[in-house]
């Protein structure tokens, strides 16, 4: 593809590097999928907020979560997260620096992903 063809599609500069923007391959007037993804994102976003509020404000919760993670008690970590009202499917990765929680949609058509990383 020549430089003039890339110019036609526009692009953006990310971190000082020019990255071409490729054309959208679907009908630009059809926003059904975009709206479905956004709507599907609403519940996990609320759950995420509730989880963060619990970690930040509920006495002893952060300590319980960190201790369970340090002891590699994955089931307890999941149970603690679920106790905050999270019903969306999620996975966790624990490491000495913190925890990463990835919320996944119930249905593949939702096509969203939320990754939350908190350091100890």
Protein backbone atom coordinates (compact mmCIF):
# COMPACT_ATOMS: atom_id res chain seq x y z
CA UNK A 1 0.00 0.00 0.00
CA UNK A 2 1.44 3.37 -0.97
CA UNK A 3 1.75 6.36 1.36
CA UNK A 4 -1.11 8.10 -0.45
CA UNK A 5 -3.41 5.12 0.17
CA UNK A 6 -2.56 5.21 3.90
CA UNK A 7 -3.32 8.94 3.90
CA UNK A 8 -6.77 8.17 2.49
CA UNK A 9 -7.63 6.05 5.52
CA UNK A 10 -6.04 8.42 7.99
CA UNK A 11 -4.23 7.17 11.00
CA UNK A 12 -3.01 8.17 14.39
CA UNK A 13 0.22 8.71 16.18
CA UNK A 14 0.65 6.56 19.24
CA UNK A 15 3.71 7.04 21.43
CA UNK A 16 5.51 9.01 18.75
CA UNK A 17 4.98 6.44 16.01
CA UNK A 18 2.64 6.86 13.05
CA UNK A 19 0.22 3.95 12.86
CA UNK A 20 -2.08 3.71 9.85
CA UNK A 21 -5.78 3.25 10.48
CA UNK A 22 -7.21 0.50 8.33
CA UNK A 23 -10.70 0.80 6.86
CA UNK A 24 -13.62 -0.59 8.86
CA UNK A 25 -14.79 -3.76 7.18
CA UNK A 26 -18.42 -3.58 8.26
CA UNK A 27 -21.24 -1.25 7.26
CA UNK A 28 -20.42 2.07 8.93
CA UNK A 29 -24.14 2.79 9.42
CA UNK A 30 -24.75 -0.45 11.33
CA UNK A 31 -24.05 0.17 15.03
CA UNK A 32 -25.97 -2.85 16.31
CA UNK A 33 -22.84 -4.70 17.49
CA UNK A 34 -21.33 -1.57 19.05
CA UNK A 35 -24.51 -0.85 20.99
CA UNK A 36 -24.81 -4.50 22.10
CA UNK A 37 -21.20 -4.49 23.32
CA UNK A 38 -21.71 -1.23 25.22
CA UNK A 39 -24.93 -2.48 26.82
CA UNK A 40 -23.25 -5.76 27.78
CA UNK A 41 -20.43 -3.77 29.40
CA UNK A 42 -22.74 -1.90 31.81
CA UNK A 43 -23.30 -4.65 34.39
CA UNK A 44 -19.63 -5.66 34.67
CA UNK A 45 -18.69 -1.99 34.98
CA UNK A 46 -21.08 -1.61 37.93
CA UNK A 47 -19.74 -4.80 39.47
CA UNK A 48 -16.20 -3.53 39.03
CA UNK A 49 -17.08 -0.29 40.79
CA UNK A 50 -18.65 -2.23 43.67
CA UNK A 51 -15.57 -4.42 43.97
CA UNK A 52 -13.26 -1.39 44.05
CA UNK A 53 -15.43 0.37 46.63
CA UNK A 54 -15.33 -2.75 48.81
CA UNK A 55 -11.54 -3.02 48.58
CA UNK A 56 -11.15 0.66 49.36
CA UNK A 57 -13.75 1.02 52.11
CA UNK A 58 -14.75 -2.26 53.78
CA UNK A 59 -12.72 -2.81 56.91
CA UNK A 60 -10.47 -5.86 56.63
CA UNK A 61 -11.44 -6.82 53.08
CA UNK A 62 -8.19 -5.71 51.41
CA UNK A 63 -6.20 -7.55 54.06
CA UNK A 64 -8.22 -10.77 53.53
CA UNK A 65 -7.81 -10.56 49.76
CA UNK A 66 -4.06 -9.97 49.91
CA UNK A 67 -3.52 -12.71 52.51
CA UNK A 68 -5.48 -15.26 50.45
CA UNK A 69 -3.45 -14.30 47.37
CA UNK A 70 -0.15 -14.59 49.26
CA UNK A 71 -1.14 -18.11 50.36
CA UNK A 72 -2.19 -19.02 46.78
CA UNK A 73 -5.74 -19.67 47.97
CA UNK A 74 -7.27 -19.08 44.55
CA UNK A 75 -10.74 -20.32 45.51
CA UNK A 76 -10.82 -17.95 48.48
CA UNK A 77 -9.67 -15.06 46.26
CA UNK A 78 -12.52 -15.84 43.82
CA UNK A 79 -15.02 -16.20 46.65
CA UNK A 80 -13.96 -12.85 48.13
CA UNK A 81 -14.34 -11.13 44.76
CA UNK A 82 -17.77 -12.73 44.24
CA UNK A 83 -18.82 -11.63 47.75
CA UNK A 84 -18.68 -8.02 46.50
CA UNK A 85 -21.54 -8.70 44.08
CA UNK A 86 -19.58 -9.79 41.02
CA UNK A 87 -21.59 -12.26 38.94
CA UNK A 88 -19.80 -11.74 35.61
CA UNK A 89 -17.30 -14.44 34.70
CA UNK A 90 -13.74 -13.44 35.56
CA UNK A 91 -10.26 -14.83 35.87
CA UNK A 92 -7.43 -13.75 38.12
CA UNK A 93 -3.66 -13.68 37.92
CA UNK A 94 -1.76 -13.29 41.13
CA UNK A 95 1.86 -12.26 41.46
CA UNK A 96 4.08 -10.76 44.16
CA UNK A 97 3.29 -7.24 42.91
CA UNK A 98 -0.48 -7.50 42.85
CA UNK A 99 -3.59 -8.97 41.29
CA UNK A 100 -5.03 -8.78 37.79
CA UNK A 101 -8.72 -9.48 37.27
CA UNK A 102 -10.13 -9.96 33.78
CA UNK A 103 -13.89 -9.72 33.33
CA UNK A 104 -15.20 -11.62 30.32
CA UNK A 105 -18.59 -11.33 28.64
CA UNK A 106 -21.20 -14.05 29.08
CA UNK A 107 -21.69 -14.24 25.33
CA UNK A 108 -18.99 -13.99 22.67
CA UNK A 109 -21.05 -11.49 20.65
CA UNK A 110 -20.64 -8.94 23.44
CA UNK A 111 -16.96 -8.57 22.48
CA UNK A 112 -15.63 -6.57 25.40
CA UNK A 113 -13.00 -7.18 27.98
CA UNK A 114 -12.19 -5.41 31.23
CA UNK A 115 -8.78 -5.88 32.81
CA UNK A 116 -8.17 -4.49 36.27
CA UNK A 117 -4.74 -4.50 37.82
CA UNK A 118 -4.17 -3.55 41.44
CA UNK A 119 -0.79 -3.57 43.09
CA UNK A 120 -0.29 -4.53 46.70
